[in-house]
C-alpha atoms as a PDB file:
ATOM      1  CA  MET A   1     129.913 -23.703  21.349  1.00  0.00           C
ATOM      2  CA  LEU A   2     127.520 -20.989  22.205  1.00  0.00           C
ATOM      3  CA  GLU A   3     125.513 -21.956  25.379  1.00  0.00           C
ATOM      4  CA  ILE A   4     121.669 -21.208  24.933  1.00  0.00           C
ATOM      5  CA  ALA A   5     119.688 -20.318  28.000  1.00  0.00           C
ATOM      6  CA  VAL A   6     116.016 -18.786  28.284  1.00  0.00           C
ATOM      7  CA  MET A   7     115.277 -15.521  30.108  1.00  0.00           C
ATOM      8  CA  ILE A   8     111.906 -14.240  31.144  1.00  0.00           C
ATOM      9  CA  GLU A   9     110.422 -11.121  32.267  1.00  0.00           C
ATOM     10  CA  GLY A  10     108.984 -11.974  35.661  1.00  0.00           C
ATOM     11  CA  GLN A  11     106.693  -8.711  35.928  1.00  0.00           C
ATOM     12  CA  LYS A  12     104.811  -9.698  32.731  1.00  0.00           C
ATOM     13  CA  GLY A  13     102.293 -12.220  34.536  1.00  0.00           C
ATOM     14  CA  LEU A  14     104.602 -14.892  36.003  1.00  0.00           C
ATOM     15  CA  THR A  15     102.615 -17.225  38.520  1.00  0.00           C
ATOM     16  CA  TRP A  16     103.621 -20.372  40.141  1.00  0.00           C
ATOM     17  CA  PRO A  17     102.007 -22.574  37.539  1.00  0.00           C
ATOM     18  CA  ARG A  18     103.773 -20.842  34.745  1.00  0.00           C
ATOM     19  CA  TRP A  19     106.926 -20.911  36.547  1.00  0.00           C
ATOM     20  CA  HIS A  20     106.673 -24.713  37.248  1.00  0.00           C
ATOM     21  CA  LYS A  21     106.025 -25.401  33.522  1.00  0.00           C
ATOM     22  CA  ILE A  22     108.592 -23.235  32.097  1.00  0.00           C
ATOM     23  CA  ALA A  23     111.335 -24.522  34.428  1.00  0.00           C
ATOM     24  CA  ARG A  24     110.445 -28.136  33.465  1.00  0.00           C
ATOM     25  CA  LEU A  25     110.574 -27.430  29.870  1.00  0.00           C
ATOM     26  CA  VAL A  26     113.843 -25.616  30.172  1.00  0.00           C
ATOM     27  CA  GLU A  27     115.372 -28.546  32.086  1.00  0.00           C
ATOM     28  CA  GLU A  28     113.830 -31.154  30.163  1.00  0.00           C
ATOM     29  CA  MET A  29     114.836 -29.677  26.492  1.00  0.00           C
ATOM     30  CA  GLY A  30     118.340 -28.938  27.120  1.00  0.00           C
ATOM     31  CA  PHE A  31     118.745 -25.355  27.564  1.00  0.00           C
ATOM     32  CA  VAL A  32     121.839 -24.358  29.711  1.00  0.00           C
ATOM     33  CA  GLY A  33     119.822 -22.146  31.969  1.00  0.00           C
ATOM     34  CA  LEU A  34     116.831 -20.160  32.860  1.00  0.00           C
ATOM     35  CA  PHE A  35     117.244 -16.504  33.959  1.00  0.00           C
ATOM     36  CA  ARG A  36     114.448 -13.972  34.907  1.00  0.00           C
ATOM     37  CA  SER A  37     114.133 -10.112  35.603  1.00  0.00           C
ATOM     38  CA  ASP A  38     113.630  -8.700  38.949  1.00  0.00           C
ATOM     39  CA  HIS A  39     110.887  -6.089  38.988  1.00  0.00           C
ATOM     40  CA  PHE A  40     107.558  -5.387  41.082  1.00  0.00           C
ATOM     41  CA  THR A  41     105.938  -4.107  37.931  1.00  0.00           C
ATOM     42  CA  ASP A  42     106.455  -2.889  34.442  1.00  0.00           C
ATOM     43  CA  SER A  43     107.725   0.586  33.430  1.00  0.00           C
ATOM     44  CA  THR A  44     104.308   1.211  31.836  1.00  0.00           C
ATOM     45  CA  PRO A  45     100.631   0.011  32.650  1.00  0.00           C
ATOM     46  CA  PRO A  46      99.101  -2.435  32.657  1.00  0.00           C
ATOM     47  CA  ASP A  47     100.327  -4.074  36.083  1.00  0.00           C
ATOM     48  CA  LEU A  48     100.594  -7.873  35.728  1.00  0.00           C
ATOM     49  CA  GLU A  49     101.396 -10.521  38.361  1.00  0.00           C
ATOM     50  CA  SER A  50     104.887 -10.505  39.265  1.00  0.00           C
ATOM     51  CA  LEU A  51     106.266 -13.440  41.192  1.00  0.00           C
ATOM     52  CA  GLU A  52     109.059 -12.620  43.731  1.00  0.00           C
ATOM     53  CA  LEU A  53     112.286 -13.186  42.417  1.00  0.00           C
ATOM     54  CA  TRP A  54     114.110 -14.887  45.309  1.00  0.00           C
ATOM     55  CA  ALA A  55     110.938 -17.051  46.308  1.00  0.00           C
ATOM     56  CA  SER A  56     111.071 -18.286  42.725  1.00  0.00           C
ATOM     57  CA  LEU A  57     114.744 -18.923  42.765  1.00  0.00           C
ATOM     58  CA  THR A  58     114.637 -20.981  45.994  1.00  0.00           C
ATOM     59  CA  TRP A  59     112.063 -23.216  44.318  1.00  0.00           C
ATOM     60  CA  LEU A  60     114.132 -23.370  41.166  1.00  0.00           C
ATOM     61  CA  ALA A  61     117.112 -24.455  43.199  1.00  0.00           C
ATOM     62  CA  SER A  62     115.157 -27.423  44.935  1.00  0.00           C
ATOM     63  CA  ASN A  63     113.102 -28.490  41.946  1.00  0.00           C
ATOM     64  CA  THR A  64     115.854 -28.771  39.025  1.00  0.00           C
ATOM     65  CA  LYS A  65     118.997 -30.534  38.814  1.00  0.00           C
ATOM     66  CA  ARG A  66     120.880 -29.397  35.817  1.00  0.00           C
ATOM     67  CA  ILE A  67     120.036 -25.738  34.690  1.00  0.00           C
ATOM     68  CA  GLU A  68     121.848 -22.492  35.868  1.00  0.00           C
ATOM     69  CA  PHE A  69     119.749 -19.771  36.862  1.00  0.00           C
ATOM     70  CA  GLY A  70     119.678 -16.197  38.230  1.00  0.00           C
ATOM     71  CA  PRO A  71     118.477 -12.850  38.198  1.00  0.00           C
ATOM     72  CA  LEU A  72     119.184 -10.635  35.209  1.00  0.00           C
ATOM     73  CA  VAL A  73     119.570  -8.544  37.247  1.00  0.00           C
ATOM     74  CA  THR A  74     118.445  -7.948  40.941  1.00  0.00           C
ATOM     75  CA  PRO A  75     119.205  -4.174  41.730  1.00  0.00           C
ATOM     76  CA  PHE A  76     120.470  -2.471  44.965  1.00  0.00           C
ATOM     77  CA  SER A  77     118.009   0.260  44.619  1.00  0.00           C
ATOM     78  CA  PHE A  78     115.271  -2.083  46.522  1.00  0.00           C
ATOM     79  CA  ARG A  79     117.394  -4.663  47.790  1.00  0.00           C
ATOM     80  CA  HIS A  80     120.262  -4.243  50.394  1.00  0.00           C
ATOM     81  CA  PRO A  81     123.416  -5.862  49.489  1.00  0.00           C
ATOM     82  CA  VAL A  82     123.691  -7.764  52.771  1.00  0.00           C
ATOM     83  CA  HIS A  83     120.309  -9.289  52.136  1.00  0.00           C
ATOM     84  CA  THR A  84     121.373 -10.182  48.628  1.00  0.00           C
ATOM     85  CA  ALA A  85     124.667 -11.579  49.736  1.00  0.00           C
ATOM     86  CA  ARG A  86     122.887 -13.708  52.336  1.00  0.00           C
ATOM     87  CA  MET A  87     120.128 -15.069  50.008  1.00  0.00           C
ATOM     88  CA  ALA A  88     122.623 -15.521  46.900  1.00  0.00           C
ATOM     89  CA  SER A  89     124.958 -17.864  49.250  1.00  0.00           C
ATOM     90  CA  ALA A  90     121.850 -19.719  50.514  1.00  0.00           C
ATOM     91  CA  VAL A  91     120.238 -20.386  47.202  1.00  0.00           C
ATOM     92  CA  ASP A  92     123.694 -21.243  45.514  1.00  0.00           C
ATOM     93  CA  ASP A  93     124.339 -23.759  48.222  1.00  0.00           C
ATOM     94  CA  LEU A  94     120.725 -25.284  47.835  1.00  0.00           C
ATOM     95  CA  SER A  95     121.134 -25.699  44.130  1.00  0.00           C
ATOM     96  CA  GLY A  96     124.666 -27.365  44.593  1.00  0.00           C
ATOM     97  CA  GLY A  97     126.319 -24.206  42.940  1.00  0.00           C
ATOM     98  CA  ARG A  98     124.168 -23.283  40.035  1.00  0.00           C
ATOM     99  CA  LEU A  99     123.299 -19.758  40.639  1.00  0.00           C
ATOM    100  CA  THR A 100     124.566 -16.871  38.583  1.00  0.00           C
ATOM    101  CA  LEU A 101     124.135 -13.385  40.659  1.00  0.00           C
ATOM    102  CA  GLY A 102     123.421 -10.674  38.383  1.00  0.00           C
ATOM    103  CA  LEU A 103     123.731  -7.333  40.104  1.00  0.00           C
ATOM    104  CA  GLY A 104     122.306  -3.912  38.995  1.00  0.00           C
ATOM    105  CA  ALA A 105     121.772  -0.197  39.968  1.00  0.00           C
ATOM    106  CA  GLY A 106     118.060  -0.018  39.212  1.00  0.00           C
ATOM    107  CA  TRP A 107     116.515   1.806  36.365  1.00  0.00           C
ATOM    108  CA  ASN A 108     112.573   1.374  36.446  1.00  0.00           C
ATOM    109  CA  GLN A 109     111.218   4.786  37.629  1.00  0.00           C
ATOM    110  CA  ARG A 110     107.497   3.612  37.877  1.00  0.00           C
ATOM    111  CA  GLU A 111     108.091   0.784  40.073  1.00  0.00           C
ATOM    112  CA  HIS A 112     110.258   2.830  42.458  1.00  0.00           C
ATOM    113  CA  HIS A 113     107.812   5.510  42.808  1.00  0.00           C
ATOM    114  CA  LEU A 114     105.016   3.107  43.122  1.00  0.00           C
ATOM    115  CA  PHE A 115     106.403   1.173  46.123  1.00  0.00           C
ATOM    116  CA  GLY A 116     108.263   3.851  47.659  1.00  0.00           C
ATOM    117  CA  PHE A 117     112.009   3.270  46.867  1.00  0.00           C
ATOM    118  CA  ASP A 118     114.474   5.879  45.944  1.00  0.00           C
ATOM    119  CA  LEU A 119     116.114   5.338  42.736  1.00  0.00           C
ATOM    120  CA  LEU A 120     118.249   8.348  43.187  1.00  0.00           C
ATOM    121  CA  GLU A 121     119.764  10.350  40.210  1.00  0.00           C
ATOM    122  CA  PRO A 122     122.177   8.312  37.962  1.00  0.00           C
ATOM    123  CA  GLY A 123     125.537   9.823  39.399  1.00  0.00           C
ATOM    124  CA  GLN A 124     124.417   8.933  43.001  1.00  0.00           C
ATOM    125  CA  ARG A 125     122.707   5.602  41.671  1.00  0.00           C
ATOM    126  CA  PHE A 126     125.890   4.337  40.357  1.00  0.00           C
ATOM    127  CA  GLU A 127     127.926   5.390  43.455  1.00  0.00           C
ATOM    128  CA  ARG A 128     125.442   3.254  45.484  1.00  0.00           C
ATOM    129  CA  PHE A 129     125.816   0.367  42.973  1.00  0.00           C
ATOM    130  CA  ASN A 130     129.752   0.384  43.453  1.00  0.00           C
ATOM    131  CA  GLU A 131     129.373   0.351  47.254  1.00  0.00           C
ATOM    132  CA  GLY A 132     126.770  -2.443  46.943  1.00  0.00           C
ATOM    133  CA  LEU A 133     129.160  -4.529  44.927  1.00  0.00           C
ATOM    134  CA  GLU A 134     131.974  -3.852  47.382  1.00  0.00           C
ATOM    135  CA  VAL A 135     129.677  -5.092  50.104  1.00  0.00           C
ATOM    136  CA  VAL A 136     128.363  -8.279  48.361  1.00  0.00           C
ATOM    137  CA  THR A 137     131.730  -9.299  46.961  1.00  0.00           C
ATOM    138  CA  ARG A 138     133.400  -8.672  50.495  1.00  0.00           C
ATOM    139  CA  LEU A 139     130.900 -10.801  52.374  1.00  0.00           C
ATOM    140  CA  LEU A 140     130.822 -13.574  49.962  1.00  0.00           C
ATOM    141  CA  ARG A 141     134.741 -13.643  49.215  1.00  0.00           C
ATOM    142  CA  SER A 142     136.401 -12.813  52.750  1.00  0.00           C
ATOM    143  CA  PRO A 143     136.540 -15.311  55.630  1.00  0.00           C
ATOM    144  CA  GLU A 144     137.559 -12.647  57.792  1.00  0.00           C
ATOM    145  CA  PRO A 145     134.991 -10.061  59.247  1.00  0.00           C
ATOM    146  CA  VAL A 146     134.241  -7.315  56.886  1.00  0.00           C
ATOM    147  CA  THR A 147     134.546  -3.490  57.826  1.00  0.00           C
ATOM    148  CA  PHE A 148     133.171  -1.092  55.293  1.00  0.00           C
ATOM    149  CA  GLU A 149     132.134   2.660  55.912  1.00  0.00           C
ATOM    150  CA  GLY A 150     130.336   4.162  52.743  1.00  0.00           C
ATOM    151  CA  GLN A 151     128.001   6.555  52.104  1.00  0.00           C
ATOM    152  CA  TYR A 152     125.145   4.166  51.629  1.00  0.00           C
ATOM    153  CA  TYR A 153     126.279   1.022  53.462  1.00  0.00           C
ATOM    154  CA  GLN A 154     128.171   0.439  56.479  1.00  0.00           C
ATOM    155  CA  LEU A 155     129.595  -2.789  57.986  1.00  0.00           C
ATOM    156  CA  ARG A 156     131.426  -3.307  61.095  1.00  0.00           C
ATOM    157  CA  ASP A 157     133.299  -6.755  61.660  1.00  0.00           C
ATOM    158  CA  ALA A 158     130.511  -8.347  59.595  1.00  0.00           C
ATOM    159  CA  THR A 159     130.840 -12.018  58.625  1.00  0.00           C
ATOM    160  CA  LEU A 160     128.642 -14.058  56.485  1.00  0.00           C
ATOM    161  CA  LEU A 161     127.945 -17.366  58.222  1.00  0.00           C
ATOM    162  CA  PRO A 162     127.622 -20.192  56.982  1.00  0.00           C
ATOM    163  CA  ARG A 163     130.326 -19.395  54.407  1.00  0.00           C
ATOM    164  CA  PRO A 164     129.355 -20.084  50.872  1.00  0.00           C
ATOM    165  CA  GLN A 165     130.123 -23.755  49.956  1.00  0.00           C
ATOM    166  CA  ARG A 166     131.305 -22.601  46.598  1.00  0.00           C
ATOM    167  CA  PRO A 167     134.911 -21.025  47.164  1.00  0.00           C
ATOM    168  CA  GLY A 168     133.928 -17.027  46.704  1.00  0.00           C
ATOM    169  CA  GLY A 169     130.210 -17.735  46.514  1.00  0.00           C
ATOM    170  CA  PRO A 170     128.117 -17.627  43.320  1.00  0.00           C
ATOM    171  CA  ARG A 171     129.326 -16.249  39.975  1.00  0.00           C
ATOM    172  CA  ILE A 172     128.719 -12.342  39.907  1.00  0.00           C
ATOM    173  CA  LEU A 173     127.258 -10.994  36.583  1.00  0.00           C
ATOM    174  CA  ILE A 174     127.389  -7.424  35.634  1.00  0.00           C
ATOM    175  CA  GLY A 175     125.429  -6.143  32.602  1.00  0.00           C
ATOM    176  CA  GLY A 176     125.952  -2.914  30.551  1.00  0.00           C
ATOM    177  CA  LYS A 177     128.117  -1.371  27.744  1.00  0.00           C
ATOM    178  CA  GLY A 178     129.414   1.993  29.175  1.00  0.00           C
ATOM    179  CA  LYS A 179     133.008   2.456  30.483  1.00  0.00           C
ATOM    180  CA  ARG A 180     131.951   2.840  33.911  1.00  0.00           C
ATOM    181  CA  THR A 181     129.957  -0.421  33.946  1.00  0.00           C
ATOM    182  CA  LEU A 182     132.997  -2.081  32.294  1.00  0.00           C
ATOM    183  CA  SER A 183     134.987  -1.023  34.997  1.00  0.00           C
ATOM    184  CA  TYR A 184     132.882  -2.708  37.524  1.00  0.00           C
ATOM    185  CA  VAL A 185     133.175  -5.938  35.470  1.00  0.00           C
ATOM    186  CA  VAL A 186     136.789  -5.793  35.658  1.00  0.00           C
ATOM    187  CA  ARG A 187     136.934  -5.210  39.497  1.00  0.00           C
ATOM    188  CA  TYR A 188     134.067  -7.590  40.718  1.00  0.00           C
ATOM    189  CA  ALA A 189     132.594  -9.790  38.077  1.00  0.00           C
ATOM    190  CA  GLN A 190     133.220 -13.081  36.550  1.00  0.00           C
ATOM    191  CA  GLU A 191     130.642 -12.650  33.845  1.00  0.00           C
ATOM    192  CA  TRP A 192     129.679  -9.688  31.371  1.00  0.00           C
ATOM    193  CA  ASN A 193     126.334  -9.316  30.054  1.00  0.00           C
ATOM    194  CA  CYS A 194     125.406  -7.125  27.242  1.00  0.00           C
ATOM    195  CA  VAL A 195     121.899  -6.408  25.697  1.00  0.00           C
ATOM    196  CA  MET A 196     120.735  -6.825  22.240  1.00  0.00           C
ATOM    197  CA  LEU A 197     124.070  -5.999  20.148  1.00  0.00           C
ATOM    198  CA  ALA A 198     124.797  -6.858  16.597  1.00  0.00           C
ATOM    199  CA  PRO A 199     127.846  -9.116  16.252  1.00  0.00           C
ATOM    200  CA  LYS A 200     130.132  -6.360  15.214  1.00  0.00           C
ATOM    201  CA  GLU A 201     129.345  -4.129  18.100  1.00  0.00           C
ATOM    202  CA  PHE A 202     129.573  -6.719  20.631  1.00  0.00           C
ATOM    203  CA  ALA A 203     132.871  -7.830  19.494  1.00  0.00           C
ATOM    204  CA  ASN A 204     134.316  -4.370  19.534  1.00  0.00           C
ATOM    205  CA  LEU A 205     133.219  -3.994  23.160  1.00  0.00           C
ATOM    206  CA  SER A 206     134.338  -7.465  24.087  1.00  0.00           C
ATOM    207  CA  ASN A 207     137.873  -6.277  22.779  1.00  0.00           C
ATOM    208  CA  LYS A 208     137.505  -3.035  24.753  1.00  0.00           C
ATOM    209  CA  LEU A 209     136.845  -5.535  27.874  1.00  0.00           C
ATOM    210  CA  ASP A 210     139.847  -7.438  27.035  1.00  0.00           C
ATOM    211  CA  GLU A 211     142.200  -4.416  27.139  1.00  0.00           C
ATOM    212  CA  MET A 212     140.668  -3.330  30.391  1.00  0.00           C
ATOM    213  CA  LEU A 213     141.094  -6.573  31.951  1.00  0.00           C
ATOM    214  CA  GLY A 214     144.644  -6.766  30.907  1.00  0.00           C
ATOM    215  CA  THR A 215     145.560  -3.394  32.341  1.00  0.00           C
ATOM    216  CA  ALA A 216     144.112  -4.655  35.677  1.00  0.00           C
ATOM    217  CA  GLY A 217     146.062  -7.856  35.457  1.00  0.00           C
ATOM    218  CA  ARG A 218     143.168 -10.157  34.831  1.00  0.00           C
ATOM    219  CA  LYS A 219     143.182 -12.588  32.160  1.00  0.00           C
ATOM    220  CA  PRO A 220     140.510 -12.117  29.331  1.00  0.00           C
ATOM    221  CA  GLU A 221     139.433 -15.785  29.966  1.00  0.00           C
ATOM    222  CA  SER A 222     138.417 -14.870  33.624  1.00  0.00           C
ATOM    223  CA  VAL A 223     135.200 -13.192  32.362  1.00  0.00           C
ATOM    224  CA  ARG A 224     132.456 -14.942  30.522  1.00  0.00           C
ATOM    225  CA  ARG A 225     130.769 -13.055  27.674  1.00  0.00           C
ATOM    226  CA  SER A 226     127.094 -13.343  27.531  1.00  0.00           C
ATOM    227  CA  MET A 227     123.912 -11.506  26.008  1.00  0.00           C
ATOM    228  CA  MET A 228     120.445 -11.057  26.684  1.00  0.00           C
ATOM    229  CA  THR A 229     118.472 -10.302  23.624  1.00  0.00           C
ATOM    230  CA  GLY A 230     114.952 -10.521  22.450  1.00  0.00           C
ATOM    231  CA  CYS A 231     113.780 -13.670  20.742  1.00  0.00           C
ATOM    232  CA  VAL A 232     110.704 -13.933  18.243  1.00  0.00           C
ATOM    233  CA  PHE A 233     110.137 -17.334  17.015  1.00  0.00           C
ATOM    234  CA  GLY A 234     106.958 -19.385  16.401  1.00  0.00           C
ATOM    235  CA  LYS A 235     106.068 -23.078  16.224  1.00  0.00           C
ATOM    236  CA  ASP A 236     104.944 -22.313  12.675  1.00  0.00           C
ATOM    237  CA  ASP A 237     104.630 -19.386  10.014  1.00  0.00           C
ATOM    238  CA  PRO A 238     101.202 -17.900  11.208  1.00  0.00           C
ATOM    239  CA  THR A 239     102.543 -18.033  15.016  1.00  0.00           C
ATOM    240  CA  LEU A 240     105.847 -16.065  13.934  1.00  0.00           C
ATOM    241  CA  LYS A 241     103.934 -13.618  11.677  1.00  0.00           C
ATOM    242  CA  GLU A 242     101.631 -13.068  14.619  1.00  0.00           C
ATOM    243  CA  LYS A 243     104.281 -12.246  17.066  1.00  0.00           C
ATOM    244  CA  VAL A 244     106.371 -10.232  14.740  1.00  0.00           C
ATOM    245  CA  ALA A 245     103.156  -7.934  14.156  1.00  0.00           C
ATOM    246  CA  LEU A 246     102.796  -7.641  18.033  1.00  0.00           C
ATOM    247  CA  ARG A 247     106.337  -6.212  18.023  1.00  0.00           C
ATOM    248  CA  GLY A 248     105.387  -3.223  15.860  1.00  0.00           C
ATOM    249  CA  ARG A 249     108.224  -3.606  13.513  1.00  0.00           C
ATOM    250  CA  SER A 250     109.132  -5.722  10.574  1.00  0.00           C
ATOM    251  CA  LEU A 251     111.294  -8.850  10.824  1.00  0.00           C
ATOM    252  CA  LYS A 252     114.221  -7.294   9.308  1.00  0.00           C
ATOM    253  CA  GLU A 253     113.881  -4.294  11.735  1.00  0.00           C
ATOM    254  CA  LEU A 254     113.921  -6.551  14.678  1.00  0.00           C
ATOM    255  CA  GLN A 255     116.879  -8.340  13.489  1.00  0.00           C
ATOM    256  CA  GLN A 256     118.741  -5.282  12.739  1.00  0.00           C
ATOM    257  CA  ASN A 257     118.135  -3.897  16.350  1.00  0.00           C
ATOM    258  CA  GLY A 258     119.632  -7.246  17.801  1.00  0.00           C
ATOM    259  CA  VAL A 259     116.597  -9.304  18.388  1.00  0.00           C
ATOM    260  CA  VAL A 260     117.107 -12.910  17.461  1.00  0.00           C
ATOM    261  CA  ALA A 261     114.185 -13.424  15.354  1.00  0.00           C
ATOM    262  CA  GLY A 262     112.778 -15.420  12.327  1.00  0.00           C
ATOM    263  CA  SER A 263     112.642 -18.752  10.805  1.00  0.00           C
ATOM    264  CA  LYS A 264     114.692 -21.844  12.094  1.00  0.00           C
ATOM    265  CA  SER A 265     117.204 -21.006   9.453  1.00  0.00           C
ATOM    266  CA  GLU A 266     117.554 -17.349  10.008  1.00  0.00           C
ATOM    267  CA  ILE A 267     117.536 -18.018  14.092  1.00  0.00           C
ATOM    268  CA  LYS A 268     120.525 -20.515  13.348  1.00  0.00           C
ATOM    269  CA  GLU A 269     122.339 -17.923  11.203  1.00  0.00           C
ATOM    270  CA  GLN A 270     121.869 -15.127  13.728  1.00  0.00           C
ATOM    271  CA  LEU A 271     123.324 -17.234  16.578  1.00  0.00           C
ATOM    272  CA  GLN A 272     126.349 -18.491  14.538  1.00  0.00           C
ATOM    273  CA  LYS A 273     127.334 -15.073  13.668  1.00  0.00           C
ATOM    274  CA  LEU A 274     126.992 -14.036  17.437  1.00  0.00           C
ATOM    275  CA  GLU A 275     129.244 -16.961  18.148  1.00  0.00           C
ATOM    276  CA  GLN A 276     131.970 -16.266  15.643  1.00  0.00           C
ATOM    277  CA  ALA A 277     131.936 -12.780  17.194  1.00  0.00           C
ATOM    278  CA  GLY A 278     132.895 -14.262  20.557  1.00  0.00           C
ATOM    279  CA  LEU A 279     129.701 -14.708  22.431  1.00  0.00           C
ATOM    280  CA  GLN A 280     129.795 -17.620  25.073  1.00  0.00           C
ATOM    281  CA  ARG A 281     126.256 -17.704  26.294  1.00  0.00           C
ATOM    282  CA  ILE A 282     123.042 -16.150  24.944  1.00  0.00           C
ATOM    283  CA  MET A 283     119.917 -15.680  27.090  1.00  0.00           C
ATOM    284  CA  LEU A 284     116.854 -15.630  24.877  1.00  0.00           C
ATOM    285  CA  GLN A 285     114.136 -13.348  26.259  1.00  0.00           C
ATOM    286  CA  TRP A 286     110.863 -15.296  25.980  1.00  0.00           C
ATOM    287  CA  LEU A 287     107.933 -13.012  26.410  1.00  0.00           C
ATOM    288  CA  ASP A 288     104.928 -15.189  25.721  1.00  0.00           C
ATOM    289  CA  LEU A 289     104.774 -17.016  29.076  1.00  0.00           C
ATOM    290  CA  ASP A 290     101.948 -19.321  27.730  1.00  0.00           C
ATOM    291  CA  ASP A 291     103.442 -20.272  24.275  1.00  0.00           C
ATOM    292  CA  LEU A 292     105.350 -23.318  25.547  1.00  0.00           C
ATOM    293  CA  GLU A 293     104.920 -25.184  22.182  1.00  0.00           C
ATOM    294  CA  SER A 294     106.928 -22.566  20.437  1.00  0.00           C
ATOM    295  CA  LEU A 295     109.778 -22.627  23.174  1.00  0.00           C
ATOM    296  CA  GLU A 296     110.039 -26.365  22.680  1.00  0.00           C
ATOM    297  CA  ALA A 297     110.086 -26.040  19.076  1.00  0.00           C
ATOM    298  CA  LEU A 298     112.940 -23.512  19.418  1.00  0.00           C
ATOM    299  CA  ALA A 299     114.728 -26.086  21.528  1.00  0.00           C
ATOM    300  CA  LYS A 300     114.679 -28.655  18.997  1.00  0.00           C
ATOM    301  CA  THR A 301     115.728 -26.137  16.392  1.00  0.00           C
ATOM    302  CA  VAL A 302     118.746 -24.544  18.023  1.00  0.00           C
ATOM    303  CA  LEU A 303     120.125 -27.121  20.709  1.00  0.00           C
END
């Protein structure tokens, strides 16, 4: 059965009161999880409130009991992999093993410029990403001291203590659809996450991943298949029409671009097609942080 989670963009006005309300609703209504982006601000103005990622996840670990959660995704471009591994291990332990650690290379040029972080050119950025993945996974999975000599990161007999309560630490998630990204999934991850794909395109990429896993000696079922995609849904027809209008595209255009959008029956049909294509979990991107009535109606519709 397709698992359904909620994903929010933390840089689009997330505050503590909003986070508390969203978390309670997601937990109580039966969604499998709550995920969020890790950004200082958006790629275009205006700048809105942005609740710090790991502070918000620490609160979530202590104030929910059931849902899985994590970043989609936290980048190495402004978070050192040693800090990321330490925080992830602690938060996963605090939650009783409910964290999914989504890792990324970084992409938002504007936030890196504003806050003084070096994004790097794409080639160097992915080299740094690969090194960061090596550092995080070694620290989480190796009980022995870790030595690593990379261009961007160096470890010398480093041991992460206390050891993660979950063997190997939290589940590693890597997103993307390029061959290089899929190779990182094969080497490091337990979950592959793609963004806004039609069922056929998803199935083709999933089959490609199966082939790459087999070549590397891993079983296809060792990597969960998930997707983060936009969601446009309203508690009633006027609300839905208003949300569609804000997107600047017709409902049909949104659906063709991989956004889960429309009426109750249309939403169900789209989710069923993705499930038939082999998708195991979907993170529905909920942009209106104050429209919790529609989010509750969505839960009652699809869960």
